[in-house]
mmCIF file of all heavy atoms, coordinates in Angstrom:
data_MODEL
# 
_entry.id   MODEL 
# 
loop_
_atom_site.group_PDB 
_atom_site.id 
_atom_site.type_symbol 
_atom_site.label_atom_id 
_atom_site.label_alt_id 
_atom_site.label_comp_id 
_atom_site.label_asym_id 
_atom_site.label_entity_id 
_atom_site.label_seq_id 
_atom_site.pdbx_PDB_ins_code 
_atom_site.Cartn_x 
_atom_site.Cartn_y 
_atom_site.Cartn_z 
_atom_site.occupancy 
_atom_site.B_iso_or_equiv 
_atom_site.pdbx_formal_charge 
_atom_site.auth_seq_id 
_atom_site.auth_comp_id 
_atom_site.auth_asym_id 
_atom_site.auth_atom_id 
_atom_site.pdbx_PDB_model_num 
ATOM 1   N N   . LYS A 1 1  ? 82.486  84.805 89.690  1.00 0.00 ? 1  LYS A N   1 
ATOM 2   C CA  . LYS A 1 1  ? 81.460  83.812 89.377  1.00 0.00 ? 1  LYS A CA  1 
ATOM 3   C C   . LYS A 1 1  ? 81.219  82.847 90.532  1.00 0.00 ? 1  LYS A C   1 
ATOM 4   O O   . LYS A 1 1  ? 80.087  82.455 90.803  1.00 0.00 ? 1  LYS A O   1 
ATOM 5   C CB  . LYS A 1 1  ? 81.848  83.039 88.119  1.00 0.00 ? 1  LYS A CB  1 
ATOM 6   C CG  . LYS A 1 1  ? 81.882  83.907 86.861  1.00 0.00 ? 1  LYS A CG  1 
ATOM 7   C CD  . LYS A 1 1  ? 82.270  83.091 85.636  1.00 0.00 ? 1  LYS A CD  1 
ATOM 8   C CE  . LYS A 1 1  ? 82.289  83.963 84.385  1.00 0.00 ? 1  LYS A CE  1 
ATOM 9   N NZ  . LYS A 1 1  ? 82.690  83.189 83.175  1.00 0.00 ? 1  LYS A NZ  1 
ATOM 10  N N   . THR A 1 2  ? 82.305  82.448 91.207  1.00 0.00 ? 2  THR A N   1 
ATOM 11  C CA  . THR A 1 2  ? 82.163  81.422 92.248  1.00 0.00 ? 2  THR A CA  1 
ATOM 12  C C   . THR A 1 2  ? 82.274  81.977 93.654  1.00 0.00 ? 2  THR A C   1 
ATOM 13  O O   . THR A 1 2  ? 81.845  81.329 94.614  1.00 0.00 ? 2  THR A O   1 
ATOM 14  C CB  . THR A 1 2  ? 83.250  80.341 92.076  1.00 0.00 ? 2  THR A CB  1 
ATOM 15  O OG1 . THR A 1 2  ? 84.539  80.915 92.342  1.00 0.00 ? 2  THR A OG1 1 
ATOM 16  C CG2 . THR A 1 2  ? 83.223  79.780 90.658  1.00 0.00 ? 2  THR A CG2 1 
ATOM 17  N N   . GLY A 1 3  ? 82.866  83.159 93.804  1.00 0.00 ? 3  GLY A N   1 
ATOM 18  C CA  . GLY A 1 3  ? 83.090  83.706 95.140  1.00 0.00 ? 3  GLY A CA  1 
ATOM 19  C C   . GLY A 1 3  ? 84.332  83.158 95.805  1.00 0.00 ? 3  GLY A C   1 
ATOM 20  O O   . GLY A 1 3  ? 84.666  83.550 96.923  1.00 0.00 ? 3  GLY A O   1 
ATOM 21  N N   . ALA A 1 4  ? 85.022  82.250 95.137  1.00 0.00 ? 4  ALA A N   1 
ATOM 22  C CA  . ALA A 1 4  ? 86.248  81.677 95.703  1.00 0.00 ? 4  ALA A CA  1 
ATOM 23  C C   . ALA A 1 4  ? 87.408  82.647 95.529  1.00 0.00 ? 4  ALA A C   1 
ATOM 24  O O   . ALA A 1 4  ? 87.394  83.525 94.664  1.00 0.00 ? 4  ALA A O   1 
ATOM 25  C CB  . ALA A 1 4  ? 86.564  80.347 95.030  1.00 0.00 ? 4  ALA A CB  1 
ATOM 26  N N   . PHE A 1 5  ? 88.455  82.480 96.326  1.00 0.00 ? 5  PHE A N   1 
ATOM 27  C CA  . PHE A 1 5  ? 89.649  83.315 96.218  1.00 0.00 ? 5  PHE A CA  1 
ATOM 28  C C   . PHE A 1 5  ? 90.561  82.761 95.131  1.00 0.00 ? 5  PHE A C   1 
ATOM 29  O O   . PHE A 1 5  ? 90.943  81.587 95.159  1.00 0.00 ? 5  PHE A O   1 
ATOM 30  C CB  . PHE A 1 5  ? 90.424  83.340 97.541  1.00 0.00 ? 5  PHE A CB  1 
ATOM 31  C CG  . PHE A 1 5  ? 89.665  83.990 98.673  1.00 0.00 ? 5  PHE A CG  1 
ATOM 32  C CD1 . PHE A 1 5  ? 89.878  83.579 99.974  1.00 0.00 ? 5  PHE A CD1 1 
ATOM 33  C CD2 . PHE A 1 5  ? 88.757  85.008 98.437  1.00 0.00 ? 5  PHE A CD2 1 
ATOM 34  C CE1 . PHE A 1 5  ? 89.193  84.171 101.026 1.00 0.00 ? 5  PHE A CE1 1 
ATOM 35  C CE2 . PHE A 1 5  ? 88.064  85.603 99.479  1.00 0.00 ? 5  PHE A CE2 1 
ATOM 36  C CZ  . PHE A 1 5  ? 88.280  85.184 100.778 1.00 0.00 ? 5  PHE A CZ  1 
ATOM 37  N N   . ASN A 1 6  ? 90.913  83.628 94.176  1.00 0.00 ? 6  ASN A N   1 
ATOM 38  C CA  . ASN A 1 6  ? 91.918  83.242 93.184  1.00 0.00 ? 6  ASN A CA  1 
ATOM 39  C C   . ASN A 1 6  ? 93.310  83.269 93.807  1.00 0.00 ? 6  ASN A C   1 
ATOM 40  O O   . ASN A 1 6  ? 94.138  82.425 93.517  1.00 0.00 ? 6  ASN A O   1 
ATOM 41  C CB  . ASN A 1 6  ? 91.874  84.190 91.988  1.00 0.00 ? 6  ASN A CB  1 
ATOM 42  C CG  . ASN A 1 6  ? 90.581  84.088 91.218  1.00 0.00 ? 6  ASN A CG  1 
ATOM 43  O OD1 . ASN A 1 6  ? 90.010  83.001 91.104  1.00 0.00 ? 6  ASN A OD1 1 
ATOM 44  N ND2 . ASN A 1 6  ? 90.105  85.211 90.700  1.00 0.00 ? 6  ASN A ND2 1 
ATOM 45  N N   . TRP A 1 7  ? 93.546  84.279 94.648  1.00 0.00 ? 7  TRP A N   1 
ATOM 46  C CA  . TRP A 1 7  ? 94.805  84.354 95.381  1.00 0.00 ? 7  TRP A CA  1 
ATOM 47  C C   . TRP A 1 7  ? 94.667  85.273 96.579  1.00 0.00 ? 7  TRP A C   1 
ATOM 48  O O   . TRP A 1 7  ? 93.721  86.045 96.689  1.00 0.00 ? 7  TRP A O   1 
ATOM 49  C CB  . TRP A 1 7  ? 95.975  84.789 94.504  1.00 0.00 ? 7  TRP A CB  1 
ATOM 50  C CG  . TRP A 1 7  ? 95.786  86.025 93.645  1.00 0.00 ? 7  TRP A CG  1 
ATOM 51  C CD1 . TRP A 1 7  ? 95.570  86.049 92.294  1.00 0.00 ? 7  TRP A CD1 1 
ATOM 52  C CD2 . TRP A 1 7  ? 95.821  87.404 94.063  1.00 0.00 ? 7  TRP A CD2 1 
ATOM 53  N NE1 . TRP A 1 7  ? 95.458  87.342 91.849  1.00 0.00 ? 7  TRP A NE1 1 
ATOM 54  C CE2 . TRP A 1 7  ? 95.621  88.201 92.909  1.00 0.00 ? 7  TRP A CE2 1 
ATOM 55  C CE3 . TRP A 1 7  ? 95.995  88.052 95.287  1.00 0.00 ? 7  TRP A CE3 1 
ATOM 56  C CZ2 . TRP A 1 7  ? 95.582  89.602 92.959  1.00 0.00 ? 7  TRP A CZ2 1 
ATOM 57  C CZ3 . TRP A 1 7  ? 95.964  89.434 95.341  1.00 0.00 ? 7  TRP A CZ3 1 
ATOM 58  C CH2 . TRP A 1 7  ? 95.771  90.197 94.184  1.00 0.00 ? 7  TRP A CH2 1 
ATOM 59  N N   . GLN A 1 8  ? 95.647  85.179 97.472  1.00 0.00 ? 8  GLN A N   1 
ATOM 60  C CA  . GLN A 1 8  ? 95.721  86.028 98.656  1.00 0.00 ? 8  GLN A CA  1 
ATOM 61  C C   . GLN A 1 8  ? 97.106  86.633 98.701  1.00 0.00 ? 8  GLN A C   1 
ATOM 62  O O   . GLN A 1 8  ? 98.112  85.947 98.533  1.00 0.00 ? 8  GLN A O   1 
ATOM 63  C CB  . GLN A 1 8  ? 95.461  85.220 99.927  1.00 0.00 ? 8  GLN A CB  1 
ATOM 64  C CG  . GLN A 1 8  ? 95.659  86.015 101.216 1.00 0.00 ? 8  GLN A CG  1 
ATOM 65  C CD  . GLN A 1 8  ? 95.466  85.177 102.455 1.00 0.00 ? 8  GLN A CD  1 
ATOM 66  O OE1 . GLN A 1 8  ? 94.702  84.204 102.430 1.00 0.00 ? 8  GLN A OE1 1 
ATOM 67  N NE2 . GLN A 1 8  ? 96.152  85.523 103.540 1.00 0.00 ? 8  GLN A NE2 1 
ATOM 68  N N   . LEU A 1 9  ? 97.151  87.947 98.938  1.00 0.00 ? 9  LEU A N   1 
ATOM 69  C CA  . LEU A 1 9  ? 98.441  88.638 99.021  1.00 0.00 ? 9  LEU A CA  1 
ATOM 70  C C   . LEU A 1 9  ? 98.604  89.170 100.434 1.00 0.00 ? 9  LEU A C   1 
ATOM 71  O O   . LEU A 1 9  ? 97.837  90.014 100.886 1.00 0.00 ? 9  LEU A O   1 
ATOM 72  C CB  . LEU A 1 9  ? 98.497  89.785 98.008  1.00 0.00 ? 9  LEU A CB  1 
ATOM 73  C CG  . LEU A 1 9  ? 99.864  90.377 97.660  1.00 0.00 ? 9  LEU A CG  1 
ATOM 74  C CD1 . LEU A 1 9  ? 99.784  91.161 96.357  1.00 0.00 ? 9  LEU A CD1 1 
ATOM 75  C CD2 . LEU A 1 9  ? 100.404 91.275 98.763  1.00 0.00 ? 9  LEU A CD2 1 
ATOM 76  N N   . GLY A 1 10 ? 99.595  88.655 101.158 1.00 0.00 ? 10 GLY A N   1 
ATOM 77  C CA  . GLY A 1 10 ? 99.820  89.047 102.540 1.00 0.00 ? 10 GLY A CA  1 
ATOM 78  C C   . GLY A 1 10 ? 99.044  88.179 103.498 1.00 0.00 ? 10 GLY A C   1 
ATOM 79  O O   . GLY A 1 10 ? 98.333  87.247 103.104 1.00 0.00 ? 10 GLY A O   1 
ATOM 80  N N   . GLY A 1 11 ? 99.162  88.472 104.791 1.00 0.00 ? 11 GLY A N   1 
ATOM 81  C CA  . GLY A 1 11 ? 98.477  87.684 105.795 1.00 0.00 ? 11 GLY A CA  1 
ATOM 82  C C   . GLY A 1 11 ? 99.195  86.368 106.062 1.00 0.00 ? 11 GLY A C   1 
ATOM 83  O O   . GLY A 1 11 ? 100.238 86.066 105.475 1.00 0.00 ? 11 GLY A O   1 
ATOM 84  N N   . PRO A 1 12 ? 98.615  85.529 106.917 1.00 0.00 ? 12 PRO A N   1 
ATOM 85  C CA  . PRO A 1 12 ? 99.300  84.294 107.337 1.00 0.00 ? 12 PRO A CA  1 
ATOM 86  C C   . PRO A 1 12 ? 99.331  83.196 106.282 1.00 0.00 ? 12 PRO A C   1 
ATOM 87  O O   . PRO A 1 12 ? 100.081 82.247 106.421 1.00 0.00 ? 12 PRO A O   1 
ATOM 88  C CB  . PRO A 1 12 ? 98.492  83.863 108.566 1.00 0.00 ? 12 PRO A CB  1 
ATOM 89  C CG  . PRO A 1 12 ? 97.136  84.463 108.353 1.00 0.00 ? 12 PRO A CG  1 
ATOM 90  C CD  . PRO A 1 12 ? 97.364  85.759 107.671 1.00 0.00 ? 12 PRO A CD  1 
ATOM 91  N N   . HIS A 1 13 ? 98.504  83.285 105.232 1.00 0.00 ? 13 HIS A N   1 
ATOM 92  C CA  . HIS A 1 13 ? 98.477  82.228 104.222 1.00 0.00 ? 13 HIS A CA  1 
ATOM 93  C C   . HIS A 1 13 ? 98.611  82.830 102.835 1.00 0.00 ? 13 HIS A C   1 
ATOM 94  O O   . HIS A 1 13 ? 97.848  82.496 101.914 1.00 0.00 ? 13 HIS A O   1 
ATOM 95  C CB  . HIS A 1 13 ? 97.183  81.410 104.328 1.00 0.00 ? 13 HIS A CB  1 
ATOM 96  C CG  . HIS A 1 13 ? 96.943  80.842 105.697 1.00 0.00 ? 13 HIS A CG  1 
ATOM 97  N ND1 . HIS A 1 13 ? 97.717  79.824 106.221 1.00 0.00 ? 13 HIS A ND1 1 
ATOM 98  C CD2 . HIS A 1 13 ? 96.033  81.171 106.653 1.00 0.00 ? 13 HIS A CD2 1 
ATOM 99  C CE1 . HIS A 1 13 ? 97.279  79.537 107.439 1.00 0.00 ? 13 HIS A CE1 1 
ATOM 100 N NE2 . HIS A 1 13 ? 96.264  80.349 107.722 1.00 0.00 ? 13 HIS A NE2 1 
ATOM 101 N N   . SER A 1 14 ? 99.581  83.693 102.647 1.00 0.00 ? 14 SER A N   1 
ATOM 102 C CA  . SER A 1 14 ? 99.750  84.426 101.394 1.00 0.00 ? 14 SER A CA  1 
ATOM 103 C C   . SER A 1 14 ? 100.114 83.490 100.245 1.00 0.00 ? 14 SER A C   1 
ATOM 104 O O   . SER A 1 14 ? 100.944 82.587 100.396 1.00 0.00 ? 14 SER A O   1 
ATOM 105 C CB  . SER A 1 14 ? 100.833 85.491 101.548 1.00 0.00 ? 14 SER A CB  1 
ATOM 106 O OG  . SER A 1 14 ? 101.015 86.203 100.343 1.00 0.00 ? 14 SER A OG  1 
ATOM 107 N N   . THR A 1 15 ? 99.450  83.702 99.104  1.00 0.00 ? 15 THR A N   1 
ATOM 108 C CA  . THR A 1 15 ? 99.802  82.969 97.882  1.00 0.00 ? 15 THR A CA  1 
ATOM 109 C C   . THR A 1 15 ? 101.171 83.397 97.377  1.00 0.00 ? 15 THR A C   1 
ATOM 110 O O   . THR A 1 15 ? 101.882 82.612 96.751  1.00 0.00 ? 15 THR A O   1 
ATOM 111 C CB  . THR A 1 15 ? 98.749  83.244 96.792  1.00 0.00 ? 15 THR A CB  1 
ATOM 112 O OG1 . THR A 1 15 ? 97.441  82.963 97.312  1.00 0.00 ? 15 THR A OG1 1 
ATOM 113 C CG2 . THR A 1 15 ? 99.000  82.410 95.550  1.00 0.00 ? 15 THR A CG2 1 
ATOM 114 N N   . PHE A 1 16 ? 101.544 84.624 97.671  1.00 0.00 ? 16 PHE A N   1 
ATOM 115 C CA  . PHE A 1 16 ? 102.796 85.195 97.190  1.00 0.00 ? 16 PHE A CA  1 
ATOM 116 C C   . PHE A 1 16 ? 103.819 85.259 98.323  1.00 0.00 ? 16 PHE A C   1 
ATOM 117 O O   . PHE A 1 16 ? 103.468 85.508 99.481  1.00 0.00 ? 16 PHE A O   1 
ATOM 118 C CB  . PHE A 1 16 ? 102.578 86.621 96.669  1.00 0.00 ? 16 PHE A CB  1 
ATOM 119 C CG  . PHE A 1 16 ? 101.626 86.707 95.517  1.00 0.00 ? 16 PHE A CG  1 
ATOM 120 C CD1 . PHE A 1 16 ? 100.248 86.789 95.736  1.00 0.00 ? 16 PHE A CD1 1 
ATOM 121 C CD2 . PHE A 1 16 ? 102.091 86.712 94.208  1.00 0.00 ? 16 PHE A CD2 1 
ATOM 122 C CE1 . PHE A 1 16 ? 99.366  86.878 94.676  1.00 0.00 ? 16 PHE A CE1 1 
ATOM 123 C CE2 . PHE A 1 16 ? 101.215 86.805 93.147  1.00 0.00 ? 16 PHE A CE2 1 
ATOM 124 C CZ  . PHE A 1 16 ? 99.851  86.881 93.384  1.00 0.00 ? 16 PHE A CZ  1 
ATOM 125 N N   . LYS A 1 17 ? 105.073 85.102 97.968  1.00 0.00 ? 17 LYS A N   1 
ATOM 126 C CA  . LYS A 1 17 ? 106.152 85.368 98.906  1.00 0.00 ? 17 LYS A CA  1 
ATOM 127 C C   . LYS A 1 17 ? 106.356 86.874 98.930  1.00 0.00 ? 17 LYS A C   1 
ATOM 128 O O   . LYS A 1 17 ? 106.666 87.480 97.919  1.00 0.00 ? 17 LYS A O   1 
ATOM 129 C CB  . LYS A 1 17 ? 107.437 84.663 98.475  1.00 0.00 ? 17 LYS A CB  1 
ATOM 130 C CG  . LYS A 1 17 ? 108.596 84.900 99.437  1.00 0.00 ? 17 LYS A CG  1 
ATOM 131 C CD  . LYS A 1 17 ? 109.866 84.185 98.975  1.00 0.00 ? 17 LYS A CD  1 
ATOM 132 C CE  . LYS A 1 17 ? 111.008 84.448 99.941  1.00 0.00 ? 17 LYS A CE  1 
ATOM 133 N NZ  . LYS A 1 17 ? 112.268 83.771 99.489  1.00 0.00 ? 17 LYS A NZ  1 
ATOM 134 N N   . VAL A 1 18 ? 106.134 87.471 100.076 1.00 0.00 ? 18 VAL A N   1 
ATOM 135 C CA  . VAL A 1 18 ? 106.181 88.932 100.160 1.00 0.00 ? 18 VAL A CA  1 
ATOM 136 C C   . VAL A 1 18 ? 107.630 89.403 100.206 1.00 0.00 ? 18 VAL A C   1 
ATOM 137 O O   . VAL A 1 18 ? 108.439 88.906 100.979 1.00 0.00 ? 18 VAL A O   1 
ATOM 138 C CB  . VAL A 1 18 ? 105.396 89.447 101.386 1.00 0.00 ? 18 VAL A CB  1 
ATOM 139 C CG1 . VAL A 1 18 ? 103.916 89.175 101.214 1.00 0.00 ? 18 VAL A CG1 1 
ATOM 140 C CG2 . VAL A 1 18 ? 105.904 88.834 102.671 1.00 0.00 ? 18 VAL A CG2 1 
ATOM 141 N N   . GLY A 1 19 ? 107.934 90.370 99.349  1.00 0.00 ? 19 GLY A N   1 
ATOM 142 C CA  . GLY A 1 19 ? 109.273 90.927 99.323  1.00 0.00 ? 19 GLY A CA  1 
ATOM 143 C C   . GLY A 1 19 ? 109.447 92.010 100.370 1.00 0.00 ? 19 GLY A C   1 
ATOM 144 O O   . GLY A 1 19 ? 108.495 92.402 101.066 1.00 0.00 ? 19 GLY A O   1 
ATOM 145 N N   . ARG A 1 20 ? 110.640 92.539 100.453 1.00 0.00 ? 20 ARG A N   1 
ATOM 146 C CA  . ARG A 1 20 ? 110.954 93.553 101.457 1.00 0.00 ? 20 ARG A CA  1 
ATOM 147 C C   . ARG A 1 20 ? 110.094 94.803 101.249 1.00 0.00 ? 20 ARG A C   1 
ATOM 148 O O   . ARG A 1 20 ? 109.996 95.324 100.145 1.00 0.00 ? 20 ARG A O   1 
ATOM 149 C CB  . ARG A 1 20 ? 112.435 93.919 101.363 1.00 0.00 ? 20 ARG A CB  1 
ATOM 150 C CG  . ARG A 1 20 ? 112.888 94.904 102.428 1.00 0.00 ? 20 ARG A CG  1 
ATOM 151 C CD  . ARG A 1 20 ? 114.374 95.151 102.326 1.00 0.00 ? 20 ARG A CD  1 
ATOM 152 N NE  . ARG A 1 20 ? 114.820 96.087 103.352 1.00 0.00 ? 20 ARG A NE  1 
ATOM 153 C CZ  . ARG A 1 20 ? 116.078 96.488 103.504 1.00 0.00 ? 20 ARG A CZ  1 
ATOM 154 N NH1 . ARG A 1 20 ? 117.025 96.021 102.675 1.00 0.00 ? 20 ARG A NH1 1 
ATOM 155 N NH2 . ARG A 1 20 ? 116.401 97.336 104.457 1.00 0.00 ? 20 ARG A NH2 1 
ATOM 156 N N   . GLY A 1 21 ? 109.464 95.259 102.318 1.00 0.00 ? 21 GLY A N   1 
ATOM 157 C CA  . GLY A 1 21 ? 108.676 96.477 102.264 1.00 0.00 ? 21 GLY A CA  1 
ATOM 158 C C   . GLY A 1 21 ? 107.281 96.318 101.695 1.00 0.00 ? 21 GLY A C   1 
ATOM 159 O O   . GLY A 1 21 ? 106.568 97.306 101.529 1.00 0.00 ? 21 GLY A O   1 
ATOM 160 N N   . THR A 1 22 ? 106.860 95.076 101.392 1.00 0.00 ? 22 THR A N   1 
ATOM 161 C CA  . THR A 1 22 ? 105.546 94.880 100.762 1.00 0.00 ? 22 THR A CA  1 
ATOM 162 C C   . THR A 1 22 ? 104.462 94.486 101.743 1.00 0.00 ? 22 THR A C   1 
ATOM 163 O O   . THR A 1 22 ? 103.286 94.475 101.386 1.00 0.00 ? 22 THR A O   1 
ATOM 164 C CB  . THR A 1 22 ? 105.623 93.797 99.675  1.00 0.00 ? 22 THR A CB  1 
ATOM 165 O OG1 . THR A 1 22 ? 105.970 92.538 100.280 1.00 0.00 ? 22 THR A OG1 1 
ATOM 166 C CG2 . THR A 1 22 ? 106.670 94.155 98.625  1.00 0.00 ? 22 THR A CG2 1 
ATOM 167 N N   . ARG A 1 23 ? 104.826 94.170 102.971 1.00 0.00 ? 23 ARG A N   1 
ATOM 168 C CA  . ARG A 1 23 ? 103.829 93.743 103.941 1.00 0.00 ? 23 ARG A CA  1 
ATOM 169 C C   . ARG A 1 23 ? 103.028 94.950 104.420 1.00 0.00 ? 23 ARG A C   1 
ATOM 170 O O   . ARG A 1 23 ? 103.593 95.999 104.725 1.00 0.00 ? 23 ARG A O   1 
ATOM 171 C CB  . ARG A 1 23 ? 104.494 93.045 105.121 1.00 0.00 ? 23 ARG A CB  1 
ATOM 172 C CG  . ARG A 1 23 ? 103.502 92.306 106.008 1.00 0.00 ? 23 ARG A CG  1 
ATOM 173 C CD  . ARG A 1 23 ? 104.191 91.475 107.070 1.00 0.00 ? 23 ARG A CD  1 
ATOM 174 N NE  . ARG A 1 23 ? 103.212 90.772 107.900 1.00 0.00 ? 23 ARG A NE  1 
ATOM 175 C CZ  . ARG A 1 23 ? 103.535 90.062 108.969 1.00 0.00 ? 23 ARG A CZ  1 
ATOM 176 N NH1 . ARG A 1 23 ? 104.804 89.944 109.337 1.00 0.00 ? 23 ARG A NH1 1 
ATOM 177 N NH2 . ARG A 1 23 ? 102.600 89.453 109.680 1.00 0.00 ? 23 ARG A NH2 1 
ATOM 178 N N   . THR A 1 24 ? 101.723 94.809 104.488 1.00 0.00 ? 24 THR A N   1 
ATOM 179 C CA  . THR A 1 24 ? 100.848 95.887 104.933 1.00 0.00 ? 24 THR A CA  1 
ATOM 180 C C   . THR A 1 24 ? 100.036 95.430 106.144 1.00 0.00 ? 24 THR A C   1 
ATOM 181 O O   . THR A 1 24 ? 99.798  94.236 106.328 1.00 0.00 ? 24 THR A O   1 
ATOM 182 C CB  . THR A 1 24 ? 99.899  96.337 103.812 1.00 0.00 ? 24 THR A CB  1 
ATOM 183 O OG1 . THR A 1 24 ? 99.087  95.227 103.397 1.00 0.00 ? 24 THR A OG1 1 
ATOM 184 C CG2 . THR A 1 24 ? 100.679 96.872 102.612 1.00 0.00 ? 24 THR A CG2 1 
ATOM 185 N N   . PHE A 1 25 ? 99.603  96.420 106.944 1.00 0.00 ? 25 PHE A N   1 
ATOM 186 C CA  . PHE A 1 25 ? 98.861  96.116 108.158 1.00 0.00 ? 25 PHE A CA  1 
ATOM 187 C C   . PHE A 1 25 ? 97.598  96.969 108.222 1.00 0.00 ? 25 PHE A C   1 
ATOM 188 O O   . PHE A 1 25 ? 97.663  98.191 108.146 1.00 0.00 ? 25 PHE A O   1 
ATOM 189 C CB  . PHE A 1 25 ? 99.726  96.386 109.400 1.00 0.00 ? 25 PHE A CB  1 
ATOM 190 C CG  . PHE A 1 25 ? 100.964 95.539 109.474 1.00 0.00 ? 25 PHE A CG  1 
ATOM 191 C CD1 . PHE A 1 25 ? 102.153 95.996 108.925 1.00 0.00 ? 25 PHE A CD1 1 
ATOM 192 C CD2 . PHE A 1 25 ? 100.941 94.285 110.066 1.00 0.00 ? 25 PHE A CD2 1 
ATOM 193 C CE1 . PHE A 1 25 ? 103.306 95.233 108.996 1.00 0.00 ? 25 PHE A CE1 1 
ATOM 194 C CE2 . PHE A 1 25 ? 102.086 93.510 110.131 1.00 0.00 ? 25 PHE A CE2 1 
ATOM 195 C CZ  . PHE A 1 25 ? 103.274 93.980 109.592 1.00 0.00 ? 25 PHE A CZ  1 
ATOM 196 N N   . PHE A 1 26 ? 96.444  96.311 108.352 1.00 0.00 ? 26 PHE A N   1 
ATOM 197 C CA  . PHE A 1 26 ? 95.148  96.981 108.506 1.00 0.00 ? 26 PHE A CA  1 
ATOM 198 C C   . PHE A 1 26 ? 94.894  97.980 107.374 1.00 0.00 ? 26 PHE A C   1 
ATOM 199 O O   . PHE A 1 26 ? 94.319  99.046 107.569 1.00 0.00 ? 26 PHE A O   1 
ATOM 200 C CB  . PHE A 1 26 ? 95.087  97.685 109.873 1.00 0.00 ? 26 PHE A CB  1 
ATOM 201 C CG  . PHE A 1 26 ? 95.674  96.865 110.995 1.00 0.00 ? 26 PHE A CG  1 
ATOM 202 C CD1 . PHE A 1 26 ? 96.807  97.290 111.664 1.00 0.00 ? 26 PHE A CD1 1 
ATOM 203 C CD2 . PHE A 1 26 ? 95.102  95.651 111.353 1.00 0.00 ? 26 PHE A CD2 1 
ATOM 204 C CE1 . PHE A 1 26 ? 97.361  96.525 112.682 1.00 0.00 ? 26 PHE A CE1 1 
ATOM 205 C CE2 . PHE A 1 26 ? 95.645  94.879 112.368 1.00 0.00 ? 26 PHE A CE2 1 
ATOM 206 C CZ  . PHE A 1 26 ? 96.785  95.317 113.034 1.00 0.00 ? 26 PHE A CZ  1 
# 
């Protein structure tokens, strides 16, 4: 509805603390 981000997973400002093996690239 708004176009805003509810959350971000990964990257430099991740909403979530990434666990082992969960980081992805490109």
